[in-house]
Amino acid sequence: MTVARVALPVAAWQPFDYWVPQGARVSPGAVVKVRLAGRRLPGVVVDTRDESEVERAKLLAVDEVEALPALPDDVRELCRFVSSYYHVPPGLALALALPPLAAAATARREHAQPLVLTDEGRAALPPRITRAPVARALYERLLQVPEGLAPAEVAALSPTGKRTLARWRESGFVREASVRCAEAVSATLNGEQASAADAIVGALGAFSAFLLQGITGSGKTEVYIAAARACIEVGGQALLLVPEINLTPQLTSRVADALPRARTVTLHSALPDGARRANWEAAARGEADIVLGTRLAVFAPLPRLALVVVDEEHDTSFKQHDGVRDHARDAAVWRARRRGVPVVLGSATPSLESYAH
């Protein structure tokens, strides 16, 4: 018998044991659904073992294993740090790292980018769709739009068309477009900006903390973008944190104009649940090159994380004032140190503690 120790989003400091049904794949970091006191709750597996101190007859089974990437070691360690440093139960800290689970049925049908045929799809699909009118029409439509099937057109498909598209995407016959038609908008850095960018880029591959101080309009964003470009060119992912949701559209647009070949996703609480889960999965699977979000994005799994940026680091919005009362800026620095990557704190008016450090 395999026993999973599961941390739940309740005020408990110890995980609960559940037996794993035969055939279920459960490992540390897996997201599961279990029952506690008559409620069905999400949880994160923190450990597996061959037996439990609790009698077998008293153990409940794991109800469901979510079809999500397991939370990696560095995210689980970050949650353990948050639990210990801010004195909150581990399950509540781990819950910060999870996407909206109720959106599972719709997440794969929402797309931030147009969908395009892959070379594998062009080769494999024609012989498979000769007797399937819906699939044949969908394939022909994809051939007609080399720039990709727009999200609005995907949403207007029939249920059969959506299911077909979902199967093709899972098989690698269709993917989200990662290249925009527009040319990159490049900014010429002045001497101070270039010096700052060079220092950050030179630190890629090891932990180093930078405080980028500059008045509003001095070009801090251009420095972030230059550093992110270098990060992506060596195969890394960049995490950009902003204090307010209303800052994300403008920064997303500037990043997209400057780095049109990079896939950028956003993570914040104002996103529809389906889109937020889809973006979380893109980050966790390494499909997103840049993750731009508010404080909750600091917990996003990023297998290729190579750079962390905290814009307006002095802003008190990075502090969570209810629930788990953590500070995303400090969590970002801790995570960067754990992963061995540089972290950039930017501000026109740095906090006194950041300035002192």
Protein backbone atom coordinates (compact mmCIF):
# COMPACT_ATOMS: atom_id res chain seq x y z
CA MET A 1 0.00 0.00 0.00
CA THR A 2 1.24 3.50 -0.86
CA VAL A 3 0.36 6.27 1.56
CA ALA A 4 0.37 9.94 0.53
CA ARG A 5 0.88 12.66 3.11
CA VAL A 6 -1.23 15.60 1.98
CA ALA A 7 -1.09 19.22 3.16
CA LEU A 8 -4.53 20.80 3.02
CA PRO A 9 -5.61 24.49 3.03
CA VAL A 10 -6.82 24.29 6.63
CA ALA A 11 -5.41 25.50 9.95
CA ALA A 12 -3.45 22.29 10.56
CA TRP A 13 0.32 22.14 10.99
CA GLN A 14 0.59 18.44 10.15
CA PRO A 15 -0.30 16.71 6.85
CA PHE A 16 -2.97 14.01 6.70
CA ASP A 17 -2.42 10.46 5.47
CA TYR A 18 -4.45 8.99 2.58
CA TRP A 19 -3.98 5.70 0.79
CA VAL A 20 -3.32 5.84 -2.93
CA PRO A 21 -5.62 3.72 -5.14
CA GLN A 22 -3.88 1.14 -7.29
CA GLY A 23 -2.75 2.58 -10.61
CA ALA A 24 -2.79 6.21 -9.46
CA ARG A 25 0.49 8.08 -9.94
CA VAL A 26 1.27 10.23 -6.94
CA SER A 27 4.59 11.87 -6.12
CA PRO A 28 5.67 14.82 -3.91
CA GLY A 29 4.20 18.02 -5.32
CA ALA A 30 1.21 16.31 -6.95
CA VAL A 31 -2.10 18.15 -6.59
CA VAL A 32 -4.91 15.92 -5.37
CA LYS A 33 -8.50 16.04 -4.14
CA VAL A 34 -9.26 14.34 -0.82
CA ARG A 35 -11.98 14.29 1.82
CA LEU A 36 -11.74 15.80 5.30
CA ALA A 37 -14.62 16.04 7.75
CA GLY A 38 -17.17 15.55 4.97
CA ARG A 39 -15.62 18.18 2.70
CA ARG A 40 -13.78 17.55 -0.57
CA LEU A 41 -10.63 19.67 -0.56
CA PRO A 42 -7.61 20.20 -2.80
CA GLY A 43 -4.23 19.38 -1.35
CA VAL A 44 -0.57 18.97 -2.20
CA VAL A 45 1.31 15.72 -1.60
CA VAL A 46 4.33 16.47 0.58
CA ASP A 47 5.57 12.90 0.93
CA THR A 48 4.79 9.27 0.06
CA ARG A 49 5.57 6.17 2.10
CA ASP A 50 4.77 2.48 2.33
CA GLU A 51 2.80 2.61 5.56
CA SER A 52 1.08 4.95 8.00
CA GLU A 53 0.88 5.23 11.76
CA VAL A 54 -2.88 5.34 11.27
CA GLU A 55 -4.71 2.01 10.90
CA ARG A 56 -5.52 1.07 7.32
CA ALA A 57 -9.24 0.81 8.12
CA LYS A 58 -9.28 4.43 9.27
CA LEU A 59 -7.57 5.86 6.19
CA LEU A 60 -9.52 7.46 3.37
CA ALA A 61 -8.42 7.14 -0.24
CA VAL A 62 -7.17 9.91 -2.49
CA ASP A 63 -10.26 10.88 -4.48
CA GLU A 64 -8.59 12.35 -7.54
CA VAL A 65 -5.17 13.29 -8.89
CA GLU A 66 -5.35 16.59 -10.75
CA ALA A 67 -4.01 16.66 -14.32
CA LEU A 68 -1.49 19.35 -13.43
CA PRO A 69 2.30 19.47 -13.33
CA ALA A 70 3.50 18.65 -9.82
CA LEU A 71 4.77 21.60 -7.80
CA PRO A 72 8.58 21.48 -8.19
CA ASP A 73 11.06 21.39 -5.33
CA ASP A 74 11.83 25.11 -5.33
CA VAL A 75 8.15 26.12 -5.12
CA ARG A 76 7.51 23.66 -2.29
CA GLU A 77 10.59 24.98 -0.49
CA LEU A 78 9.39 28.56 -1.00
CA CYS A 79 6.04 27.58 0.55
CA ARG A 80 7.84 25.94 3.50
CA PHE A 81 9.81 29.16 3.98
CA VAL A 82 6.62 31.25 3.88
CA SER A 83 4.97 28.85 6.34
CA SER A 84 7.87 29.06 8.79
CA TYR A 85 8.77 32.76 8.41
CA TYR A 86 5.21 34.10 8.49
CA HIS A 87 3.98 31.39 10.86
CA VAL A 88 1.08 29.97 8.85
CA PRO A 89 0.05 26.32 8.37
CA PRO A 90 1.93 24.65 5.48
CA GLY A 91 -1.25 23.81 3.59
CA LEU A 92 -2.31 27.46 3.47
CA ALA A 93 1.10 28.45 2.10
CA LEU A 94 1.02 25.68 -0.54
CA ALA A 95 -2.46 26.79 -1.61
CA LEU A 96 -0.91 30.07 -2.81
CA ALA A 97 0.97 28.11 -5.48
CA LEU A 98 -2.11 26.44 -6.98
CA PRO A 99 -4.15 27.68 -9.96
CA PRO A 100 -7.97 27.80 -9.85
CA LEU A 101 -8.78 24.08 -9.80
CA ALA A 102 -12.49 24.46 -10.61
CA ALA A 103 -11.50 25.77 -14.05
CA ALA A 104 -10.04 22.43 -15.19
CA ALA A 105 -12.81 21.70 -17.67
CA THR A 106 -12.44 24.99 -19.52
CA ALA A 107 -8.76 25.85 -19.18
CA ARG A 108 -7.69 24.00 -22.29
CA ARG A 109 -10.34 25.69 -24.40
CA GLU A 110 -9.08 29.19 -23.64
CA HIS A 111 -6.08 30.46 -25.55
CA ALA A 112 -4.12 33.67 -25.19
CA GLN A 113 -2.54 33.26 -28.65
CA PRO A 114 -3.82 32.06 -32.05
CA LEU A 115 -3.56 28.33 -32.77
CA VAL A 116 -1.43 27.19 -35.71
CA LEU A 117 -0.70 23.86 -37.40
CA THR A 118 2.63 22.24 -36.62
CA ASP A 119 4.74 20.36 -39.16
CA GLU A 120 3.64 17.15 -37.45
CA GLY A 121 0.02 18.12 -37.96
CA ARG A 122 0.49 18.85 -41.65
CA ALA A 123 2.05 15.42 -42.14
CA ALA A 124 -0.22 13.32 -39.92
CA LEU A 125 -3.70 14.81 -40.24
CA PRO A 126 -4.65 14.53 -43.97
CA PRO A 127 -5.05 10.72 -43.99
CA ARG A 128 -6.96 10.81 -40.69
CA ILE A 129 -9.68 13.27 -41.64
CA THR A 130 -10.97 11.96 -44.98
CA ARG A 131 -14.17 10.61 -43.37
CA ALA A 132 -14.59 13.35 -40.74
CA PRO A 133 -16.28 16.47 -42.22
CA VAL A 134 -15.82 18.61 -39.10
CA ALA A 135 -12.13 17.73 -38.76
CA ARG A 136 -11.54 18.22 -42.49
CA ALA A 137 -13.16 21.68 -42.43
CA LEU A 138 -11.13 22.63 -39.35
CA TYR A 139 -7.91 21.47 -40.98
CA GLU A 140 -8.66 23.42 -44.16
CA ARG A 141 -9.42 26.52 -42.10
CA LEU A 142 -6.07 26.22 -40.31
CA LEU A 143 -4.36 26.04 -43.70
CA GLN A 144 -6.15 29.24 -44.76
CA VAL A 145 -4.90 31.24 -41.76
CA PRO A 146 -1.12 30.75 -41.44
CA GLU A 147 -1.07 33.42 -38.73
CA GLY A 148 -3.28 31.13 -36.64
CA LEU A 149 -6.88 30.56 -35.60
CA ALA A 150 -7.83 33.51 -33.39
CA PRO A 151 -9.14 32.86 -29.83
CA ALA A 152 -12.53 34.33 -30.77
CA GLU A 153 -12.85 31.90 -33.69
CA VAL A 154 -11.87 28.99 -31.46
CA ALA A 155 -14.54 30.01 -28.97
CA ALA A 156 -17.16 30.06 -31.76
CA LEU A 157 -16.46 26.46 -32.86
CA SER A 158 -19.01 23.72 -32.31
CA PRO A 159 -18.45 21.36 -29.35
CA THR A 160 -17.19 18.72 -31.79
CA GLY A 161 -14.76 21.22 -33.32
CA LYS A 162 -13.45 22.24 -29.90
CA ARG A 163 -12.94 18.61 -28.86
CA THR A 164 -11.13 17.90 -32.12
CA LEU A 165 -8.88 20.92 -31.66
CA ALA A 166 -8.13 19.89 -28.07
CA ARG A 167 -7.11 16.38 -29.21
CA TRP A 168 -4.88 17.81 -31.93
CA ARG A 169 -3.20 20.11 -29.44
CA GLU A 170 -2.53 17.26 -27.02
CA SER A 171 -1.05 15.24 -29.90
CA GLY A 172 1.23 18.10 -30.95
CA PHE A 173 -0.59 18.70 -34.25
CA VAL A 174 -1.59 22.22 -33.18
CA ARG A 175 0.15 24.71 -30.92
CA GLU A 176 -0.20 28.30 -29.79
CA ALA A 177 1.52 30.80 -32.05
CA SER A 178 4.62 32.21 -30.39
CA VAL A 179 5.70 34.64 -33.13
CA ARG A 180 3.94 37.93 -33.76
CA CYS A 181 3.88 39.47 -37.21
CA ALA A 182 5.05 42.84 -35.94
CA GLU A 183 8.72 43.63 -35.86
CA ALA A 184 10.42 44.06 -32.53
CA VAL A 185 10.50 47.56 -31.14
CA SER A 186 14.04 48.10 -29.87
CA ALA A 187 15.02 50.88 -27.53
CA THR A 188 18.50 52.34 -27.57
CA LEU A 189 19.83 52.30 -24.03
CA ASN A 190 21.71 55.30 -22.72
CA GLY A 191 24.96 54.89 -20.84
CA GLU A 192 23.48 54.33 -17.37
CA GLN A 193 20.79 52.00 -18.67
CA ALA A 194 23.32 49.95 -20.63
CA SER A 195 25.60 49.75 -17.60
CA ALA A 196 22.76 48.47 -15.43
CA ALA A 197 21.60 45.96 -18.04
CA ASP A 198 25.16 44.68 -18.57
CA ALA A 199 25.59 44.12 -14.82
CA ILE A 200 22.36 42.11 -14.61
CA VAL A 201 23.09 40.09 -17.76
CA GLY A 202 26.59 39.39 -16.51
CA ALA A 203 25.11 37.84 -13.37
CA LEU A 204 22.86 35.35 -15.20
CA GLY A 205 23.47 31.85 -13.94
CA ALA A 206 24.12 32.76 -10.30
CA PHE A 207 22.32 34.52 -7.47
CA SER A 208 22.90 38.24 -7.22
CA ALA A 209 20.63 41.00 -5.93
CA PHE A 210 20.39 44.39 -7.65
CA LEU A 211 18.60 47.58 -6.62
CA LEU A 212 17.77 49.60 -9.74
CA GLN A 213 16.99 53.14 -8.62
CA GLY A 214 15.75 55.66 -11.15
CA ILE A 215 13.13 58.38 -11.28
CA THR A 216 9.88 57.79 -13.16
CA GLY A 217 10.57 57.88 -16.88
CA SER A 218 14.27 57.14 -16.52
CA GLY A 219 14.00 53.85 -18.42
CA LYS A 220 13.93 51.12 -15.76
CA THR A 221 11.52 49.10 -17.93
CA GLU A 222 13.99 49.18 -20.84
CA VAL A 223 16.60 47.70 -18.51
CA TYR A 224 14.18 44.93 -17.44
CA ILE A 225 13.42 44.14 -21.09
CA ALA A 226 17.10 44.05 -22.07
CA ALA A 227 17.83 41.67 -19.22
CA ALA A 228 14.79 39.51 -20.06
CA ARG A 229 15.89 39.33 -23.71
CA ALA A 230 19.30 38.01 -22.70
CA CYS A 231 17.68 35.59 -20.26
CA ILE A 232 15.41 34.14 -22.97
CA GLU A 233 18.25 33.92 -25.50
CA VAL A 234 20.06 31.48 -23.20
CA GLY A 235 16.91 29.39 -22.73
CA GLY A 236 15.61 30.87 -19.49
CA GLN A 237 12.29 32.16 -18.22
CA ALA A 238 11.85 35.61 -16.68
CA LEU A 239 9.47 36.44 -13.83
CA LEU A 240 8.32 40.10 -13.70
CA LEU A 241 6.32 41.18 -10.66
CA VAL A 242 4.29 44.39 -10.44
CA PRO A 243 2.35 45.63 -7.41
CA GLU A 244 -1.00 46.43 -9.05
CA ILE A 245 -3.19 44.61 -11.57
CA ASN A 246 -3.75 47.83 -13.55
CA LEU A 247 -0.01 47.99 -14.32
CA THR A 248 0.00 44.65 -16.15
CA PRO A 249 -1.64 45.63 -19.50
CA GLN A 250 0.78 48.48 -20.22
CA LEU A 251 3.86 46.47 -19.28
CA THR A 252 2.60 43.41 -21.17
CA SER A 253 2.17 45.56 -24.29
CA ARG A 254 5.68 47.03 -23.98
CA VAL A 255 7.22 43.61 -23.48
CA ALA A 256 5.29 42.16 -26.43
CA ASP A 257 6.40 45.01 -28.71
CA ALA A 258 10.03 44.66 -27.68
CA LEU A 259 10.12 40.83 -27.56
CA PRO A 260 7.60 39.66 -30.17
CA ARG A 261 9.03 36.14 -30.36
CA ALA A 262 8.72 35.55 -26.63
CA ARG A 263 5.54 34.08 -25.23
CA THR A 264 4.33 36.26 -22.36
CA VAL A 265 1.56 35.21 -19.97
CA THR A 266 -0.01 37.12 -17.10
CA LEU A 267 -1.02 35.89 -13.66
CA HIS A 268 -3.24 37.94 -11.39
CA SER A 269 -6.51 37.56 -9.52
CA ALA A 270 -8.60 39.56 -12.03
CA LEU A 271 -8.10 36.98 -14.80
CA PRO A 272 -10.97 34.58 -15.55
CA ASP A 273 -10.29 31.29 -13.79
CA GLY A 274 -9.88 29.37 -17.03
CA ALA A 275 -7.34 31.82 -18.45
CA ARG A 276 -5.45 31.97 -15.17
CA ARG A 277 -5.17 28.19 -15.02
CA ALA A 278 -4.10 28.00 -18.67
CA ASN A 279 -1.40 30.63 -18.05
CA TRP A 280 -0.27 28.84 -14.90
CA GLU A 281 0.09 25.61 -16.86
CA ALA A 282 2.02 27.39 -19.64
CA ALA A 283 4.45 28.66 -17.00
CA ALA A 284 4.70 25.29 -15.23
CA ARG A 285 5.32 23.35 -18.44
CA GLY A 286 8.02 25.79 -19.54
CA GLU A 287 5.98 27.01 -22.53
CA ALA A 288 5.93 30.64 -21.37
CA ASP A 289 9.11 32.68 -21.69
CA ILE A 290 7.95 35.59 -19.52
CA VAL A 291 5.49 35.46 -16.63
CA LEU A 292 4.20 38.91 -15.69
CA GLY A 293 1.97 39.22 -12.66
CA THR A 294 1.13 40.51 -9.23
CA ARG A 295 2.24 39.02 -5.92
CA LEU A 296 0.61 35.61 -6.50
CA ALA A 297 2.89 35.05 -9.52
CA VAL A 298 5.92 34.67 -7.24
CA PHE A 299 4.67 31.13 -6.51
CA ALA A 300 4.29 30.10 -10.18
CA PRO A 301 6.27 26.98 -11.14
CA LEU A 302 8.97 27.95 -13.65
CA PRO A 303 11.25 25.08 -14.68
CA ARG A 304 13.61 27.40 -16.65
CA LEU A 305 13.59 30.35 -14.25
CA ALA A 306 16.67 32.48 -14.90
CA LEU A 307 15.70 36.04 -13.86
CA VAL A 308 13.38 37.66 -11.29
CA VAL A 309 12.33 41.32 -11.48
CA VAL A 310 10.27 43.17 -8.85
CA ASP A 311 9.11 46.53 -10.20
CA GLU A 312 8.13 49.27 -7.72
CA GLU A 313 9.63 47.12 -4.98
CA HIS A 314 8.77 49.68 -2.32
CA ASP A 315 5.01 49.38 -2.97
CA THR A 316 3.01 48.09 0.00
CA SER A 317 0.72 46.17 -2.37
CA PHE A 318 3.35 43.43 -2.40
CA LYS A 319 2.30 42.76 1.20
CA GLN A 320 -0.67 40.47 1.71
CA HIS A 321 -2.80 41.93 4.50
CA ASP A 322 -5.18 39.03 5.09
CA GLY A 323 -4.94 35.25 4.98
CA VAL A 324 -1.27 34.36 4.55
CA ARG A 325 0.37 37.70 5.38
CA ASP A 326 3.51 37.33 3.32
CA HIS A 327 5.60 39.87 1.41
CA ALA A 328 6.03 38.96 -2.27
CA ARG A 329 9.18 41.06 -2.67
CA ASP A 330 10.96 39.17 0.10
CA ALA A 331 9.63 35.86 -1.20
CA ALA A 332 10.99 36.78 -4.65
CA VAL A 333 14.46 37.45 -3.24
CA TRP A 334 14.38 34.17 -1.30
CA ARG A 335 13.28 32.24 -4.38
CA ALA A 336 15.97 33.80 -6.56
CA ARG A 337 18.60 32.86 -4.01
CA ARG A 338 17.27 29.30 -3.81
CA ARG A 339 17.32 28.94 -7.61
CA GLY A 340 20.67 30.63 -8.05
CA VAL A 341 19.43 33.41 -10.36
CA PRO A 342 19.69 37.23 -10.24
CA VAL A 343 16.88 39.33 -8.79
CA VAL A 344 16.32 42.98 -9.70
CA LEU A 345 14.42 45.32 -7.37
CA GLY A 346 13.39 48.48 -9.20
CA SER A 347 12.04 51.72 -7.76
CA ALA A 348 12.20 55.49 -7.94
CA THR A 349 11.88 55.58 -4.15
CA PRO A 350 13.40 52.37 -2.75
CA SER A 351 12.33 51.05 0.61
CA LEU A 352 14.82 51.75 3.37
CA GLU A 353 15.51 48.06 3.98
CA SER A 354 16.27 47.40 0.30
CA TYR A 355 18.48 50.48 0.13
CA ALA A 356 20.36 49.39 3.25
CA HIS A 357 20.88 45.85 1.91
